[in-house]
Amino acid sequence: MDLGFGGEVAGFYQRYRRGYPAEVIDGLVDAFELTRDDVVVDLGCGTGQLALPLAERVRAVIGMDPEPDMLAEARRVATGRSNLSWMVGADTDVPMLGTLLGKTSLGAVTIGQALHWMDHDTLFHELYPLLRPGGGVAVVTNGTPLWLQDSDWSRALRRHLELWLDSEVTATCGTDEDSRTRYAESLAAAGFTVKQSRFGYTDVLDLDRIIGGVYSALPVNLLPPLDQRSYFAKQVGRALEGHAPYDETVEVTLLLGMREDKS
């Protein structure tokens, strides 16, 4: 599966994608009663923003992503961490993972803002037997995309991106309420008990983080060419002129599918 997020994009992803607040990691540990005996799979792990802090709380974390360059960045950042493994694979490889690890072998499977690339209906059914009773699936979103926020600077950014790309910029990356409703219904259909919690925090961005955040979300073929990057940055600055400070209200959601049976 080639989604176009290798090469430079993986580097932008590692540098500019924000991590998760401590409350999110605590929420996952508490919800699934994770201990030092548990193994967790972070599916669609990117460069490890969720896998790394989880590894501090459990026996081992397997980060799984279809993009080798993302995993290379994750390995670089995780140098010296002995309980992290990185595996090239997508949601379609979960049956293979089940054959390798066995039934009820996992305390949790986390999916951080990557589920919109996956066949969630099939995936949740395939994950259920891999999870121990009391464990489950966590679909984690870490705020609305930069171009879809309810602020003047975000609307100005969206207008500029649409002019640059010559197309509408509407991708929610699974952060919208309709997507969460579909995911919740799919989890319930697979046998999970569904719960949800939310955490909020505020941040103030600068132009470098906004531009880097945009680059981290674009496939390689849509990145501005190297000789146009300076021009692109200046144009973004002009588009956002007068809209500072670039305040951001970030809502993190944990959509939890709990395996509560005792079999």
Protein backbone atom coordinates (compact mmCIF):
# COMPACT_ATOMS: atom_id res chain seq x y z
CA MET A 1 0.00 0.00 0.00
CA ASP A 2 1.63 3.26 -1.13
CA LEU A 3 -0.22 6.32 0.16
CA GLY A 4 2.57 8.70 -0.83
CA PHE A 5 3.74 9.48 2.71
CA GLY A 6 7.35 8.40 2.38
CA GLY A 7 10.50 10.37 1.66
CA GLU A 8 10.44 13.95 2.89
CA VAL A 9 6.92 13.62 4.24
CA ALA A 10 8.07 11.13 6.89
CA GLY A 11 10.64 13.67 8.08
CA PHE A 12 8.03 16.43 8.24
CA TYR A 13 5.71 14.06 10.08
CA GLN A 14 8.31 13.30 12.74
CA ARG A 15 9.25 16.94 13.22
CA TYR A 16 5.85 18.61 13.15
CA ARG A 17 3.16 16.13 14.20
CA ARG A 18 2.37 16.82 17.82
CA GLY A 19 2.45 14.11 20.43
CA TYR A 20 -0.33 13.14 22.80
CA PRO A 21 -0.98 14.66 26.23
CA ALA A 22 -0.14 12.52 29.25
CA GLU A 23 -3.86 12.33 30.04
CA VAL A 24 -4.39 10.34 26.83
CA ILE A 25 -1.80 7.73 27.74
CA ASP A 26 -3.21 7.53 31.27
CA GLY A 27 -6.71 7.13 29.81
CA LEU A 28 -5.62 4.22 27.61
CA VAL A 29 -3.77 2.49 30.44
CA ASP A 30 -6.71 2.87 32.81
CA ALA A 31 -9.40 1.87 30.30
CA PHE A 32 -7.72 -1.39 29.30
CA GLU A 33 -5.99 -1.97 32.67
CA LEU A 34 -2.66 -2.22 30.87
CA THR A 35 0.29 -3.54 32.85
CA ARG A 36 3.91 -4.49 32.34
CA ASP A 37 2.66 -7.88 31.15
CA ASP A 38 0.80 -6.47 28.14
CA VAL A 39 1.70 -6.20 24.47
CA VAL A 40 0.14 -3.35 22.46
CA VAL A 41 -0.01 -2.92 18.69
CA ASP A 42 -0.06 0.65 17.36
CA LEU A 43 -1.58 0.26 13.91
CA GLY A 44 -0.76 3.00 11.41
CA CYS A 45 1.91 4.14 13.86
CA GLY A 46 3.52 6.79 11.68
CA THR A 47 6.75 7.89 13.33
CA GLY A 48 5.76 6.68 16.79
CA GLN A 49 3.96 9.60 18.46
CA LEU A 50 1.66 7.19 20.29
CA ALA A 51 3.84 4.07 20.36
CA LEU A 52 6.75 5.66 22.22
CA PRO A 53 4.90 6.91 25.32
CA LEU A 54 2.85 3.70 25.48
CA ALA A 55 6.05 1.65 25.54
CA GLU A 56 6.90 3.24 28.89
CA ARG A 57 3.82 1.63 30.44
CA VAL A 58 3.65 -1.90 28.98
CA ARG A 59 5.89 -4.89 28.25
CA ALA A 60 6.18 -4.25 24.51
CA VAL A 61 4.72 -2.19 21.68
CA ILE A 62 4.65 -3.23 18.03
CA GLY A 63 4.43 -0.24 15.71
CA MET A 64 2.93 -1.22 12.37
CA ASP A 65 2.76 1.05 9.32
CA PRO A 66 2.70 0.50 5.54
CA GLU A 67 5.33 3.18 4.90
CA PRO A 68 8.95 2.06 5.50
CA ASP A 69 10.21 5.66 5.68
CA MET A 70 7.84 6.39 8.56
CA LEU A 71 9.21 3.36 10.41
CA ALA A 72 12.78 4.43 9.70
CA GLU A 73 12.08 7.75 11.41
CA ALA A 74 10.43 5.93 14.32
CA ARG A 75 13.44 3.64 14.74
CA ARG A 76 15.78 6.63 14.73
CA VAL A 77 13.85 8.41 17.46
CA ALA A 78 13.45 5.22 19.52
CA THR A 79 17.15 4.30 19.48
CA GLY A 80 18.03 2.46 22.67
CA ARG A 81 14.44 1.44 23.50
CA SER A 82 14.40 -2.35 23.78
CA ASN A 83 10.64 -2.96 24.02
CA LEU A 84 9.64 -1.36 20.72
CA SER A 85 9.42 -3.28 17.44
CA TRP A 86 8.58 -1.82 14.05
CA MET A 87 6.79 -3.80 11.35
CA VAL A 88 5.88 -2.88 7.78
CA GLY A 89 2.21 -3.71 7.38
CA ALA A 90 -1.32 -2.39 6.99
CA ASP A 91 -4.74 -3.32 8.31
CA THR A 92 -4.90 -6.05 5.66
CA ASP A 93 -1.97 -7.75 7.41
CA VAL A 94 -3.78 -8.18 10.73
CA PRO A 95 -4.68 -11.83 10.00
CA MET A 96 -0.96 -12.54 9.57
CA LEU A 97 -0.30 -10.76 12.84
CA GLY A 98 -2.89 -12.97 14.50
CA THR A 99 -1.19 -16.09 13.20
CA LEU A 100 2.11 -14.82 14.57
CA LEU A 101 0.92 -13.74 18.02
CA GLY A 102 -2.10 -15.95 18.69
CA LYS A 103 -5.54 -15.32 20.18
CA THR A 104 -6.00 -13.07 23.25
CA SER A 105 -2.34 -12.06 23.02
CA LEU A 106 -2.82 -8.28 23.01
CA GLY A 107 -3.81 -5.86 25.72
CA ALA A 108 -4.78 -3.18 23.22
CA VAL A 109 -4.60 -2.03 19.64
CA THR A 110 -4.30 1.72 19.16
CA ILE A 111 -5.03 3.60 15.94
CA GLY A 112 -3.98 7.24 16.06
CA GLN A 113 -5.67 9.32 13.35
CA ALA A 114 -5.06 6.67 10.69
CA LEU A 115 -8.33 4.73 10.59
CA HIS A 116 -9.64 6.70 7.61
CA TRP A 117 -7.11 4.78 5.47
CA MET A 118 -8.41 1.39 6.63
CA ASP A 119 -11.36 -0.95 6.11
CA HIS A 120 -12.60 -0.52 9.67
CA ASP A 121 -15.56 -2.93 9.41
CA THR A 122 -13.30 -5.85 8.49
CA LEU A 123 -10.50 -4.71 10.78
CA PHE A 124 -12.54 -4.61 13.98
CA HIS A 125 -13.85 -8.15 13.45
CA GLU A 126 -10.32 -9.40 12.85
CA LEU A 127 -8.94 -7.65 15.92
CA TYR A 128 -11.52 -8.95 18.38
CA PRO A 129 -10.06 -12.46 18.89
CA LEU A 130 -6.52 -11.08 19.26
CA LEU A 131 -7.43 -9.02 22.33
CA ARG A 132 -7.53 -10.40 25.86
CA PRO A 133 -10.72 -9.92 27.88
CA GLY A 134 -10.64 -6.42 29.32
CA GLY A 135 -8.48 -5.19 26.46
CA GLY A 136 -9.67 -3.45 23.37
CA VAL A 137 -9.27 -1.06 20.46
CA ALA A 138 -8.63 2.66 20.87
CA VAL A 139 -9.27 5.04 17.97
CA VAL A 140 -7.46 8.23 18.93
CA THR A 141 -7.84 11.60 17.19
CA ASN A 142 -5.56 14.49 18.08
CA GLY A 143 -7.41 17.60 17.01
CA THR A 144 -8.98 18.89 13.81
CA PRO A 145 -6.73 19.36 10.75
CA LEU A 146 -5.11 22.79 10.55
CA TRP A 147 -7.19 23.78 7.54
CA LEU A 148 -10.60 22.97 9.08
CA GLN A 149 -10.54 24.77 12.41
CA ASP A 150 -13.00 27.42 13.52
CA SER A 151 -10.67 30.39 13.39
CA ASP A 152 -9.85 33.19 11.00
CA TRP A 153 -6.28 31.99 10.48
CA SER A 154 -7.45 28.45 9.65
CA ARG A 155 -9.98 29.72 7.12
CA ALA A 156 -7.30 31.89 5.53
CA LEU A 157 -4.97 28.89 5.36
CA ARG A 158 -7.67 26.79 3.72
CA ARG A 159 -8.33 29.43 1.06
CA HIS A 160 -4.62 29.61 0.27
CA LEU A 161 -4.24 25.83 0.05
CA GLU A 162 -7.24 25.56 -2.25
CA LEU A 163 -5.73 28.14 -4.58
CA TRP A 164 -2.33 26.43 -4.48
CA LEU A 165 -3.72 22.91 -5.02
CA ASP A 166 -6.54 24.03 -7.32
CA SER A 167 -9.01 21.86 -5.43
CA GLU A 168 -11.16 21.94 -2.30
CA VAL A 169 -9.43 21.05 0.95
CA THR A 170 -12.02 19.23 3.01
CA ALA A 171 -10.32 16.11 4.40
CA THR A 172 -11.19 15.61 8.08
CA CYS A 173 -8.84 12.62 8.54
CA GLY A 174 -11.53 10.87 10.55
CA THR A 175 -11.81 13.61 13.17
CA ASP A 176 -15.41 14.62 12.44
CA GLU A 177 -18.44 13.45 14.39
CA ASP A 178 -19.92 11.49 11.48
CA SER A 179 -16.74 9.42 11.17
CA ARG A 180 -16.66 8.72 14.90
CA THR A 181 -20.29 7.61 14.77
CA ARG A 182 -19.52 5.18 11.93
CA TYR A 183 -16.50 3.82 13.81
CA ALA A 184 -18.53 3.38 17.00
CA GLU A 185 -21.26 1.49 15.16
CA SER A 186 -18.65 -0.71 13.50
CA LEU A 187 -16.98 -1.49 16.85
CA ALA A 188 -20.33 -2.46 18.34
CA ALA A 189 -21.12 -4.69 15.36
CA ALA A 190 -17.82 -6.52 15.93
CA GLY A 191 -18.79 -7.30 19.52
CA PHE A 192 -17.06 -4.49 21.41
CA THR A 193 -18.61 -2.39 24.15
CA VAL A 194 -18.12 1.21 23.04
CA LYS A 195 -17.08 4.08 25.27
CA GLN A 196 -15.75 7.53 24.51
CA SER A 197 -13.76 10.15 26.38
CA ARG A 198 -12.37 13.53 25.42
CA PHE A 199 -9.45 15.67 26.49
CA GLY A 200 -8.83 19.28 25.53
CA TYR A 201 -5.84 21.58 25.52
CA THR A 202 -4.76 24.80 23.85
CA ASP A 203 -1.70 25.61 21.79
CA VAL A 204 -0.28 28.61 19.98
CA LEU A 205 1.36 27.88 16.62
CA ASP A 206 3.85 29.85 14.59
CA LEU A 207 4.20 29.96 10.81
CA ASP A 208 6.92 27.30 10.78
CA ARG A 209 4.70 24.81 12.61
CA ILE A 210 1.71 25.61 10.39
CA ILE A 211 3.70 25.12 7.18
CA GLY A 212 5.42 22.01 8.52
CA GLY A 213 2.07 20.63 9.62
CA VAL A 214 0.70 21.11 6.11
CA TYR A 215 3.75 19.40 4.57
CA SER A 216 3.31 16.45 6.97
CA ALA A 217 -0.22 15.91 5.66
CA LEU A 218 0.52 16.09 1.92
CA PRO A 219 1.57 13.10 -0.18
CA VAL A 220 4.99 13.52 -1.73
CA ASN A 221 3.63 14.37 -5.17
CA LEU A 222 1.72 17.37 -3.78
CA LEU A 223 4.58 18.92 -1.81
CA PRO A 224 5.75 22.25 -3.26
CA PRO A 225 8.95 21.66 -5.28
CA LEU A 226 12.14 22.51 -3.40
CA ASP A 227 12.75 25.63 -5.47
CA GLN A 228 9.24 26.87 -4.59
CA ARG A 229 9.27 26.19 -0.83
CA SER A 230 10.47 29.68 0.09
CA TYR A 231 7.80 31.25 -2.13
CA PHE A 232 5.14 28.96 -0.66
CA ALA A 233 6.12 29.94 2.90
CA LYS A 234 6.00 33.65 2.05
CA GLN A 235 2.57 33.22 0.47
CA VAL A 236 1.25 31.41 3.56
CA GLY A 237 2.62 34.23 5.70
CA ARG A 238 0.83 36.79 3.56
CA ALA A 239 -2.41 34.79 3.62
CA LEU A 240 -2.34 34.63 7.42
CA GLU A 241 -1.16 38.21 7.92
CA GLY A 242 -3.37 40.01 10.41
CA HIS A 243 -4.75 36.78 11.91
CA ALA A 244 -2.09 36.18 14.59
CA PRO A 245 -1.86 34.84 17.23
CA TYR A 246 -2.49 31.41 15.73
CA ASP A 247 -4.36 29.96 18.68
CA GLU A 248 -5.51 26.38 18.46
CA THR A 249 -8.01 24.56 20.65
CA VAL A 250 -7.19 20.86 20.40
CA GLU A 251 -9.76 18.22 21.27
CA VAL A 252 -8.39 14.71 21.66
CA THR A 253 -10.96 11.92 21.51
CA LEU A 254 -10.59 8.34 22.67
CA LEU A 255 -13.12 6.06 21.03
CA LEU A 256 -12.76 2.79 22.92
CA GLY A 257 -13.97 -0.64 21.93
CA MET A 258 -13.79 -2.85 25.03
CA ARG A 259 -13.67 -6.64 24.90
CA GLU A 260 -15.59 -7.47 28.05
CA ASP A 261 -16.37 -11.16 27.58
CA LYS A 262 -14.48 -13.69 29.71
CA SER A 263 -13.92 -16.31 27.01
